[in-house]
N, C-alpha and C. Protein backbone atom coordinates (compact mmCIF):
# COMPACT_ATOMS: atom_id res chain seq x y z
N MET A 1 0.63 -1.35 0.02
CA MET A 1 -0.08 -0.55 0.76
C MET A 1 0.76 1.39 0.48
N TRP A 2 0.33 2.42 -0.05
CA TRP A 2 1.08 3.33 -0.11
C TRP A 2 1.95 4.16 1.69
N PHE A 3 1.27 3.62 1.83
CA PHE A 3 1.44 3.70 3.48
C PHE A 3 2.90 2.98 4.14
N GLU A 4 3.32 2.36 2.98
CA GLU A 4 4.69 1.48 3.62
C GLU A 4 5.73 2.19 2.41
N VAL A 5 5.38 3.60 1.59
CA VAL A 5 6.46 4.20 1.48
C VAL A 5 7.23 6.02 2.07
N ILE A 6 5.56 5.26 3.66
CA ILE A 6 6.40 6.98 4.54
C ILE A 6 7.31 6.34 5.75
N PRO A 7 7.81 5.41 6.39
CA PRO A 7 9.44 5.69 6.96
C PRO A 7 10.15 5.67 6.23
N SER A 8 10.49 5.08 4.33
CA SER A 8 11.84 4.88 3.63
C SER A 8 11.51 6.87 3.17
N PHE A 9 10.32 7.00 3.35
CA PHE A 9 10.78 9.02 3.07
C PHE A 9 10.86 9.93 3.92
N ALA A 10 10.01 9.34 5.22
CA ALA A 10 10.74 10.16 6.63
C ALA A 10 12.51 10.27 6.62
N ILE A 11 13.16 9.05 6.07
CA ILE A 11 14.29 9.06 6.75
C ILE A 11 15.31 9.33 5.35
N ILE A 12 14.76 9.54 4.30
CA ILE A 12 15.19 10.03 2.88
C ILE A 12 15.85 11.74 3.82
N THR A 13 14.05 11.86 3.84
CA THR A 13 14.05 13.59 4.61
C THR A 13 15.43 14.13 5.37
N VAL A 14 15.17 13.66 6.84
CA VAL A 14 15.94 13.75 7.61
C VAL A 14 17.11 13.35 7.60
N ALA A 15 17.78 12.51 6.88
CA ALA A 15 19.54 12.83 6.19
C ALA A 15 19.52 13.94 5.52
N LEU A 16 18.51 14.24 4.71
CA LEU A 16 18.87 15.25 3.91
C LEU A 16 18.82 16.51 3.97
N ALA A 17 17.73 16.80 5.16
CA ALA A 17 18.11 17.96 5.95
C ALA A 17 19.05 18.16 6.74
N ILE A 18 19.00 17.30 7.60
CA ILE A 18 20.67 17.28 8.25
C ILE A 18 21.68 18.48 8.38
N PRO A 19 22.74 17.94 6.85
CA PRO A 19 23.85 18.90 7.02
C PRO A 19 23.16 21.29 6.97
N SER A 20 21.58 20.85 6.54
CA SER A 20 21.61 22.10 5.72
C SER A 20 21.99 22.26 7.61
N TYR A 21 20.61 22.25 8.34
CA TYR A 21 20.13 21.73 9.55
C TYR A 21 21.90 22.42 10.49
N ALA A 22 22.34 22.11 10.61
CA ALA A 22 23.92 21.28 10.90
C ALA A 22 25.03 22.49 11.07
N THR A 23 24.97 23.42 9.47
CA THR A 23 25.91 23.56 8.69
C THR A 23 25.35 25.38 9.72
N TYR A 24 24.26 25.49 9.88
CA TYR A 24 24.11 26.39 10.90
C TYR A 24 24.84 26.54 12.30
N HIS A 25 24.58 25.92 13.22
CA HIS A 25 24.49 25.57 14.97
C HIS A 25 26.16 25.29 14.19
N ILE A 26 26.91 24.84 13.22
CA ILE A 26 28.73 24.30 12.99
C ILE A 26 29.04 25.90 12.98
N HIS A 27 28.43 27.23 12.60
CA HIS A 27 29.13 28.49 11.98
C HIS A 27 28.53 29.28 12.83
N LYS A 28 27.60 29.06 13.61
CA LYS A 28 27.28 30.17 15.43
C LYS A 28 28.56 29.43 15.99
N LEU A 29 29.27 28.57 16.20
CA LEU A 29 29.49 28.22 17.36
C LEU A 29 31.03 28.24 16.97
N TRP A 30 31.44 28.40 15.80
CA TRP A 30 32.58 28.37 14.61
C TRP A 30 33.53 30.08 15.15
N ILE A 31 32.52 31.05 13.59
CA ILE A 31 33.17 32.02 13.80
C ILE A 31 31.50 33.00 14.51
N GLY A 32 30.97 32.35 15.32
CA GLY A 32 29.51 33.34 16.26
C GLY A 32 29.37 34.38 15.15
N ASN A 33 29.02 34.39 14.53
CA ASN A 33 27.65 33.90 13.28
C ASN A 33 26.84 32.86 12.72
N ALA A 34 26.02 32.66 12.40
CA ALA A 34 24.89 31.56 11.57
C ALA A 34 25.68 31.74 9.42
N TYR A 35 24.99 32.89 9.73
CA TYR A 35 25.30 32.90 8.09
C TYR A 35 27.03 33.56 7.59
N ARG A 36 27.53 32.52 6.81
CA ARG A 36 29.08 32.91 6.68
C ARG A 36 28.74 33.80 5.24
N ARG A 37 29.86 34.79 4.89
CA ARG A 37 29.66 36.03 4.22
C ARG A 37 31.12 34.63 2.83
N ASN A 38 29.71 34.54 1.35
CA ASN A 38 31.29 33.40 0.66
C ASN A 38 31.66 35.00 -0.18
N THR A 39 33.19 35.19 -0.40
CA THR A 39 34.00 35.85 -1.00
C THR A 39 35.02 35.72 -2.10
N ASP A 40 34.29 34.65 -3.29
CA ASP A 40 34.75 34.18 -4.38
C ASP A 40 34.75 35.36 -5.44
N GLN A 41 34.23 36.42 -5.51
CA GLN A 41 34.20 37.29 -6.05
C GLN A 41 35.10 38.66 -5.99
N PRO A 42 35.85 38.95 -6.80
CA PRO A 42 36.16 40.81 -6.29
C PRO A 42 35.66 41.77 -5.36
N TRP A 43 34.22 41.56 -6.13
CA TRP A 43 32.80 42.67 -5.78
C TRP A 43 32.48 42.25 -4.25
N GLU A 44 32.77 41.00 -3.75
CA GLU A 44 32.24 40.12 -2.76
C GLU A 44 33.04 40.98 -1.41
N ARG A 45 34.44 40.65 -2.04
CA ARG A 45 35.38 41.39 -1.49
C ARG A 45 36.30 42.33 -1.19
N PHE A 46 35.79 43.13 -1.80
CA PHE A 46 36.17 44.46 -1.57
C PHE A 46 34.85 44.63 -0.67
N ALA A 47 33.16 44.50 -0.72
CA ALA A 47 32.71 44.54 0.11
C ALA A 47 32.80 44.20 1.79
N TYR A 48 33.32 43.06 1.91
CA TYR A 48 33.69 42.54 2.96
C TYR A 48 34.90 43.46 3.08
N ARG A 49 35.40 43.30 2.48
CA ARG A 49 36.78 44.78 3.16
C ARG A 49 36.73 45.77 4.24
N ARG A 50 35.70 45.73 3.15
CA ARG A 50 35.22 47.71 3.45
C ARG A 50 33.97 47.43 4.64
N ASP A 51 33.00 46.60 5.04
CA ASP A 51 32.65 46.99 6.36
C ASP A 51 33.92 47.00 7.09
N MET A 52 34.26 44.90 7.00
CA MET A 52 35.73 45.46 8.21
C MET A 52 36.17 46.94 8.32
N ARG A 53 36.12 47.64 7.70
CA ARG A 53 36.84 48.84 8.06
C ARG A 53 36.04 49.79 8.73
N ILE A 54 35.09 50.09 7.67
CA ILE A 54 34.19 51.13 8.30
C ILE A 54 33.56 50.93 10.11
N ASN A 55 33.11 48.98 9.92
CA ASN A 55 32.37 49.46 11.50
C ASN A 55 33.03 48.27 12.27
N GLY A 56 33.70 47.52 11.43
CA GLY A 56 34.86 46.06 12.16
C GLY A 56 33.77 44.67 12.44
N ASN A 57 32.48 45.19 11.59
CA ASN A 57 32.40 44.09 11.47
C ASN A 57 32.01 43.87 10.45
N VAL A 58 31.98 43.01 9.65
CA VAL A 58 31.26 42.49 8.24
C VAL A 58 29.96 42.25 8.37
N TYR A 59 28.84 41.58 9.72
CA TYR A 59 28.09 41.32 9.97
C TYR A 59 26.39 41.92 10.19
N LYS A 60 27.04 43.07 10.16
CA LYS A 60 26.72 43.76 11.35
C LYS A 60 26.20 45.25 9.83
N GLY A 61 25.02 44.82 9.70
CA GLY A 61 25.21 46.25 8.66
C GLY A 61 25.05 47.90 9.42
N GLN A 62 25.44 48.48 8.57
CA GLN A 62 25.52 50.10 8.80
C GLN A 62 25.02 51.36 8.26
N GLY A 63 24.72 52.36 8.18
CA GLY A 63 24.10 53.47 7.33
C GLY A 63 25.33 54.27 7.69
N LEU A 64 24.86 55.65 6.97
CA LEU A 64 26.03 56.49 7.42
C LEU A 64 26.43 56.24 8.68
N GLU A 65 25.75 56.83 9.67
CA GLU A 65 26.05 57.21 10.82
C GLU A 65 26.88 55.80 11.05
N SER A 66 27.30 55.23 10.74
CA SER A 66 28.48 54.96 10.75
C SER A 66 29.97 54.98 10.33
N ILE A 67 30.11 55.96 9.16
CA ILE A 67 31.01 56.27 8.01
C ILE A 67 31.84 58.04 9.22
N PRO A 68 32.58 58.16 9.88
CA PRO A 68 33.00 58.47 10.35
C PRO A 68 33.63 60.07 9.94
N ASP A 69 32.50 61.42 10.12
CA ASP A 69 33.06 62.44 9.45
C ASP A 69 34.73 63.08 9.19
N GLU A 70 34.86 63.61 7.82
CA GLU A 70 36.73 63.49 8.28
C GLU A 70 36.72 65.77 8.23
């Protein structure tokens, strides 16, 4: 019957969901933030360095108030 598929479906679904949930917690533990920034492209590296230079934290967005007046 159709309900005989449910245990296999549940096992496969859980096995495929574990890596995505584990990655969230590993990043939270390892780098202190759950979301990792990708710096593969030159523009992304530039934005990463810019954010680090302006406010010291690449994961916390800031507006114009974070840029010092010269």
